[in-house]
Amino acid sequence: MTSRMTWDPSQYLGFSDYRLRPALDLLARIPLKTPNTVVDLGCGAGNVTKHLRNRWPKAKLVGLDDSMEMLERARAEAPDIDFAQADAATWRPAEPVNVLYSNALLHWLPDHEALFPRLVDCLAGGGYLAVQMPRNFAAPSHQSLYETVRNGPWRKRLEPMIREEPVKDSTFYYELLSPLVSTLDIWETEYVQVLEGENPVTEYVKGSWLKPFLDALNQPERNAFEVDYRARVLAYYPPGKNDKTLFPFRRLFIVAER
């Protein structure tokens, strides 16, 4: 949910089971039983929003995203849910909400020191902010991307797109949020994802972090960039027994009650 890039729902959902698991883990930690209003901020293709609807069938639920490609997919898959276009960097609800849920979105947005207090301010009293963000940017999957950027003819154009630390450590979010909320739960989980196929880590990253870099290149450059990146990633994540590839992936979770 960011205007800086377009999304390919099919590529992103190619690993939907692995992307869904942390979303459901986050959802399970929200204790509210009967919220009146629930917002899925950065709903993407709506595959998680459907689980919010199942959890709270009587709530007023809206899924928000700024990608029309994702919203079209969401509306086709869940026509009974209200989906709308919005930019999370500037969005504010008309009225305070009871649950503000955001899965795998906020790492795309800058200035978390201002962003997170603004999101808390969107909550009604006793409402919950629930956030999951990837925190895998020091892993070879992402560092190989930066190596490819810095070792090719596209460096001057692509290097300014690198953000080394889009997600801070847990101490940052605890110190930022604890004065603003009544309860605060922060944890990290590393999911050991067992992938199949030829160079599956590349295919996984193409659905998200790699895509804006590829989109900034013309087709011949894009092909050369991907060949370089694939070779680097495969060296770090070779297939193991039964041609399975292990891809550890760390994620940060925050559940805060106003």
Protein backbone atom coordinates (compact mmCIF):
# COMPACT_ATOMS: atom_id res chain seq x y z
CA MET A 1 0.00 0.00 0.00
CA THR A 2 2.37 2.63 -1.24
CA SER A 3 2.21 4.91 -4.26
CA ARG A 4 5.93 4.31 -4.83
CA MET A 5 5.27 1.03 -6.60
CA THR A 6 2.65 -1.04 -8.37
CA TRP A 7 1.82 -4.55 -7.23
CA ASP A 8 1.42 -7.89 -8.96
CA PRO A 9 -1.18 -9.78 -6.89
CA SER A 10 -0.37 -13.13 -8.52
CA GLN A 11 3.36 -12.84 -7.76
CA TYR A 12 2.71 -11.68 -4.21
CA LEU A 13 0.19 -14.44 -3.49
CA GLY A 14 2.44 -17.13 -4.95
CA PHE A 15 3.62 -17.70 -1.37
CA SER A 16 0.32 -16.84 0.26
CA ASP A 17 0.48 -19.57 2.92
CA TYR A 18 3.78 -18.24 4.26
CA ARG A 19 2.59 -14.63 4.15
CA LEU A 20 -0.72 -15.54 5.80
CA ARG A 21 0.70 -17.32 8.84
CA PRO A 22 2.15 -14.20 10.58
CA ALA A 23 -1.04 -12.29 9.74
CA LEU A 24 -3.10 -14.89 11.59
CA ASP A 25 -0.60 -14.98 14.47
CA LEU A 26 -1.08 -11.22 14.82
CA LEU A 27 -4.85 -11.50 14.64
CA ALA A 28 -4.91 -14.13 17.37
CA ARG A 29 -3.24 -11.75 19.84
CA ILE A 30 -5.96 -9.08 19.65
CA PRO A 31 -8.23 -9.71 22.65
CA LEU A 32 -11.28 -7.63 21.65
CA LYS A 33 -14.38 -9.79 21.25
CA THR A 34 -16.93 -7.37 19.75
CA PRO A 35 -15.33 -4.29 18.20
CA ASN A 36 -17.64 -1.92 16.38
CA THR A 37 -15.17 -0.73 13.76
CA VAL A 38 -12.23 -2.60 12.24
CA VAL A 39 -9.81 -1.26 9.62
CA ASP A 40 -7.40 -3.43 7.64
CA LEU A 41 -4.79 -0.84 6.69
CA GLY A 42 -2.86 -2.11 3.68
CA CYS A 43 -5.33 -4.89 2.93
CA GLY A 44 -3.68 -5.83 -0.37
CA ALA A 45 -5.63 -8.56 -2.16
CA GLY A 46 -8.00 -8.97 0.79
CA ASN A 47 -6.91 -12.49 1.69
CA VAL A 48 -6.31 -11.42 5.30
CA THR A 49 -9.34 -9.13 5.46
CA LYS A 50 -11.55 -12.19 5.02
CA HIS A 51 -10.13 -13.61 8.24
CA LEU A 52 -10.91 -10.36 10.05
CA ARG A 53 -14.50 -10.69 8.79
CA ASN A 54 -14.69 -14.25 10.11
CA ARG A 55 -13.30 -13.16 13.49
CA TRP A 56 -15.66 -10.18 13.87
CA PRO A 57 -18.71 -10.80 11.63
CA LYS A 58 -20.79 -7.99 13.17
CA ALA A 59 -18.14 -5.27 13.02
CA LYS A 60 -18.07 -2.47 10.47
CA LEU A 61 -15.04 -3.62 8.48
CA VAL A 62 -13.16 -1.78 5.75
CA GLY A 63 -10.03 -2.79 3.86
CA LEU A 64 -7.81 0.07 2.67
CA ASP A 65 -5.04 0.02 0.09
CA ASP A 66 -3.66 2.42 -2.50
CA SER A 67 -2.98 -0.27 -5.13
CA MET A 68 -5.84 -0.57 -7.59
CA GLU A 69 -4.42 -3.91 -8.78
CA MET A 70 -4.70 -5.31 -5.27
CA LEU A 71 -8.12 -3.78 -4.63
CA GLU A 72 -9.56 -5.24 -7.83
CA ARG A 73 -8.40 -8.68 -6.71
CA ALA A 74 -9.80 -8.11 -3.21
CA ARG A 75 -13.22 -7.04 -4.47
CA ALA A 76 -13.42 -10.05 -6.76
CA GLU A 77 -12.46 -12.47 -3.97
CA ALA A 78 -14.61 -10.91 -1.20
CA PRO A 79 -17.45 -8.85 -2.71
CA ASP A 80 -19.22 -8.68 0.67
CA ILE A 81 -16.42 -6.60 2.24
CA ASP A 82 -16.02 -2.84 1.81
CA PHE A 83 -12.67 -2.05 0.16
CA ALA A 84 -11.50 1.50 -0.57
CA GLN A 85 -8.43 3.23 -1.92
CA ALA A 86 -6.34 5.20 0.59
CA ASP A 87 -2.72 6.16 1.21
CA ALA A 88 -1.58 4.95 4.62
CA ALA A 89 1.01 7.72 4.80
CA THR A 90 -1.75 10.33 5.16
CA TRP A 91 -4.92 8.37 6.03
CA ARG A 92 -7.03 9.25 9.06
CA PRO A 93 -10.44 7.77 9.89
CA ALA A 94 -13.53 9.97 10.08
CA GLU A 95 -14.18 8.52 13.54
CA PRO A 96 -11.89 6.67 15.98
CA VAL A 97 -11.72 2.91 15.34
CA ASN A 98 -11.66 -0.06 17.71
CA VAL A 99 -9.16 -2.18 15.79
CA LEU A 100 -6.53 -0.80 13.44
CA TYR A 101 -4.87 -3.83 11.91
CA SER A 102 -1.86 -3.52 9.61
CA ASN A 103 -0.05 -6.58 8.29
CA ALA A 104 3.18 -6.22 6.24
CA LEU A 105 2.63 -2.58 5.29
CA LEU A 106 4.31 -0.09 7.58
CA HIS A 107 7.88 -1.04 6.65
CA TRP A 108 7.16 0.63 3.30
CA LEU A 109 6.54 3.98 5.02
CA PRO A 110 9.18 6.36 6.44
CA ASP A 111 9.39 8.29 9.71
CA HIS A 112 7.99 5.73 12.14
CA GLU A 113 8.63 8.17 14.97
CA ALA A 114 5.75 10.28 13.64
CA LEU A 115 3.73 7.52 11.95
CA PHE A 116 3.06 5.26 14.93
CA PRO A 117 1.79 7.97 17.31
CA ARG A 118 -0.53 9.15 14.52
CA LEU A 119 -1.94 5.64 14.17
CA VAL A 120 -2.46 5.36 17.94
CA ASP A 121 -4.35 8.65 17.74
CA CYS A 122 -6.77 6.99 15.29
CA LEU A 123 -7.97 4.60 18.01
CA ALA A 124 -10.97 4.90 20.27
CA GLY A 125 -10.35 4.44 23.98
CA GLY A 126 -9.66 0.76 24.61
CA GLY A 127 -8.98 0.25 20.91
CA TYR A 128 -6.07 -1.79 19.54
CA LEU A 129 -3.31 -1.11 17.07
CA ALA A 130 -2.00 -4.43 15.69
CA VAL A 131 1.05 -4.35 13.42
CA GLN A 132 3.28 -6.93 11.76
CA MET A 133 6.36 -5.87 9.81
CA PRO A 134 9.13 -7.92 8.18
CA ARG A 135 12.47 -7.48 9.92
CA ASN A 136 14.59 -9.53 7.57
CA PHE A 137 16.53 -6.76 5.89
CA ALA A 138 19.95 -7.89 7.13
CA ALA A 139 19.40 -11.39 5.68
CA PRO A 140 21.23 -12.53 2.53
CA SER A 141 17.99 -12.30 0.54
CA HIS A 142 17.98 -8.53 1.00
CA GLN A 143 21.71 -7.85 1.24
CA SER A 144 22.16 -9.66 -2.09
CA LEU A 145 19.73 -7.20 -3.61
CA TYR A 146 21.81 -4.29 -2.40
CA GLU A 147 24.98 -5.95 -3.70
CA THR A 148 23.37 -6.29 -7.12
CA VAL A 149 22.37 -2.63 -7.05
CA ARG A 150 25.88 -1.47 -6.15
CA ASN A 151 27.74 -3.68 -8.61
CA GLY A 152 25.95 -2.89 -11.84
CA PRO A 153 25.57 -0.07 -14.37
CA TRP A 154 22.26 0.90 -12.73
CA ARG A 155 23.89 1.87 -9.42
CA LYS A 156 23.45 5.63 -9.77
CA ARG A 157 19.72 5.28 -10.38
CA LEU A 158 18.90 2.49 -7.94
CA GLU A 159 21.13 3.11 -4.94
CA PRO A 160 19.01 6.03 -3.64
CA MET A 161 16.10 3.55 -3.37
CA ILE A 162 17.90 1.48 -0.73
CA ARG A 163 16.59 1.89 2.80
CA GLU A 164 18.86 -0.11 5.08
CA GLU A 165 16.66 -0.09 8.18
CA PRO A 166 12.99 0.45 7.38
CA VAL A 167 12.06 -1.33 10.64
CA LYS A 168 13.74 -0.44 13.92
CA ASP A 169 14.40 -2.81 16.80
CA SER A 170 11.85 -3.58 19.51
CA THR A 171 13.38 -1.07 21.95
CA PHE A 172 12.61 1.78 19.56
CA TYR A 173 8.92 0.90 19.33
CA TYR A 174 8.62 0.21 23.06
CA GLU A 175 10.09 3.59 24.00
CA LEU A 176 7.99 5.34 21.35
CA LEU A 177 4.64 3.73 22.17
CA SER A 178 4.67 2.91 25.87
CA PRO A 179 3.89 6.51 26.98
CA LEU A 180 0.93 6.60 24.57
CA VAL A 181 -0.89 3.33 25.33
CA SER A 182 -2.23 1.40 28.31
CA THR A 183 -0.85 -2.02 27.32
CA LEU A 184 1.90 -2.94 24.87
CA ASP A 185 2.98 -6.34 23.56
CA ILE A 186 6.02 -6.55 21.26
CA TRP A 187 7.68 -9.74 20.01
CA GLU A 188 9.67 -11.17 17.13
CA THR A 189 9.32 -14.53 15.41
CA GLU A 190 11.61 -16.14 12.86
CA TYR A 191 9.64 -18.39 10.52
CA VAL A 192 11.68 -21.12 8.85
CA GLN A 193 9.92 -21.30 5.49
CA VAL A 194 10.37 -24.48 3.47
CA LEU A 195 10.17 -23.47 -0.19
CA GLU A 196 10.00 -25.50 -3.38
CA GLY A 197 11.00 -24.83 -6.97
CA GLU A 198 13.98 -23.38 -8.76
CA ASN A 199 15.55 -20.51 -6.81
CA PRO A 200 12.36 -19.95 -4.79
CA VAL A 201 13.82 -17.23 -2.55
CA THR A 202 14.16 -14.99 -5.60
CA GLU A 203 10.53 -15.67 -6.52
CA TYR A 204 9.48 -14.87 -2.95
CA VAL A 205 11.34 -11.54 -2.87
CA LYS A 206 10.07 -10.61 -6.35
CA GLY A 207 6.61 -10.34 -4.82
CA SER A 208 7.67 -7.47 -2.56
CA TRP A 209 11.08 -5.96 -1.83
CA LEU A 210 12.69 -6.69 -5.21
CA LYS A 211 9.82 -5.39 -7.34
CA PRO A 212 10.40 -1.60 -7.18
CA PHE A 213 14.03 -2.07 -8.21
CA LEU A 214 13.01 -4.15 -11.23
CA ASP A 215 10.27 -1.68 -12.12
CA ALA A 216 12.84 1.14 -12.31
CA LEU A 217 14.74 -0.60 -15.12
CA ASN A 218 14.08 -1.12 -18.82
CA GLN A 219 13.57 -4.69 -19.97
CA PRO A 220 17.18 -5.56 -20.95
CA GLU A 221 18.46 -4.05 -17.68
CA ARG A 222 15.75 -5.82 -15.74
CA ASN A 223 16.78 -9.17 -17.21
CA ALA A 224 20.45 -8.57 -16.41
CA PHE A 225 19.65 -7.39 -12.89
CA GLU A 226 17.55 -10.46 -12.16
CA VAL A 227 20.22 -12.84 -13.51
CA ASP A 228 22.80 -11.24 -11.20
CA TYR A 229 20.51 -11.28 -8.19
CA ARG A 230 19.43 -14.88 -8.78
CA ALA A 231 23.03 -16.07 -8.81
CA ARG A 232 23.84 -14.26 -5.57
CA VAL A 233 20.74 -15.53 -3.77
CA LEU A 234 21.17 -19.11 -4.92
CA ALA A 235 24.67 -19.16 -3.40
CA TYR A 236 23.19 -18.27 0.00
CA TYR A 237 20.05 -20.43 -0.28
CA PRO A 238 20.93 -23.61 -2.19
CA PRO A 239 18.36 -26.40 -2.34
CA GLY A 240 18.78 -29.05 0.33
CA LYS A 241 17.36 -32.52 0.75
CA ASN A 242 14.45 -33.34 -1.53
CA ASP A 243 15.14 -30.08 -3.38
CA LYS A 244 13.61 -28.05 -0.54
CA THR A 245 15.04 -24.61 0.24
CA LEU A 246 14.96 -23.22 3.78
CA PHE A 247 14.28 -19.50 3.96
CA PRO A 248 14.33 -18.14 7.55
CA PHE A 249 12.32 -14.95 7.78
CA ARG A 250 12.12 -12.68 10.86
CA ARG A 251 9.07 -10.54 11.64
CA LEU A 252 8.26 -7.95 14.31
CA PHE A 253 4.82 -7.79 15.97
CA ILE A 254 3.19 -5.00 17.96
CA VAL A 255 -0.18 -5.08 19.73
CA ALA A 256 -0.98 -1.86 21.62
CA GLU A 257 -4.14 -0.91 23.51
CA ARG A 258 -4.98 2.75 23.79
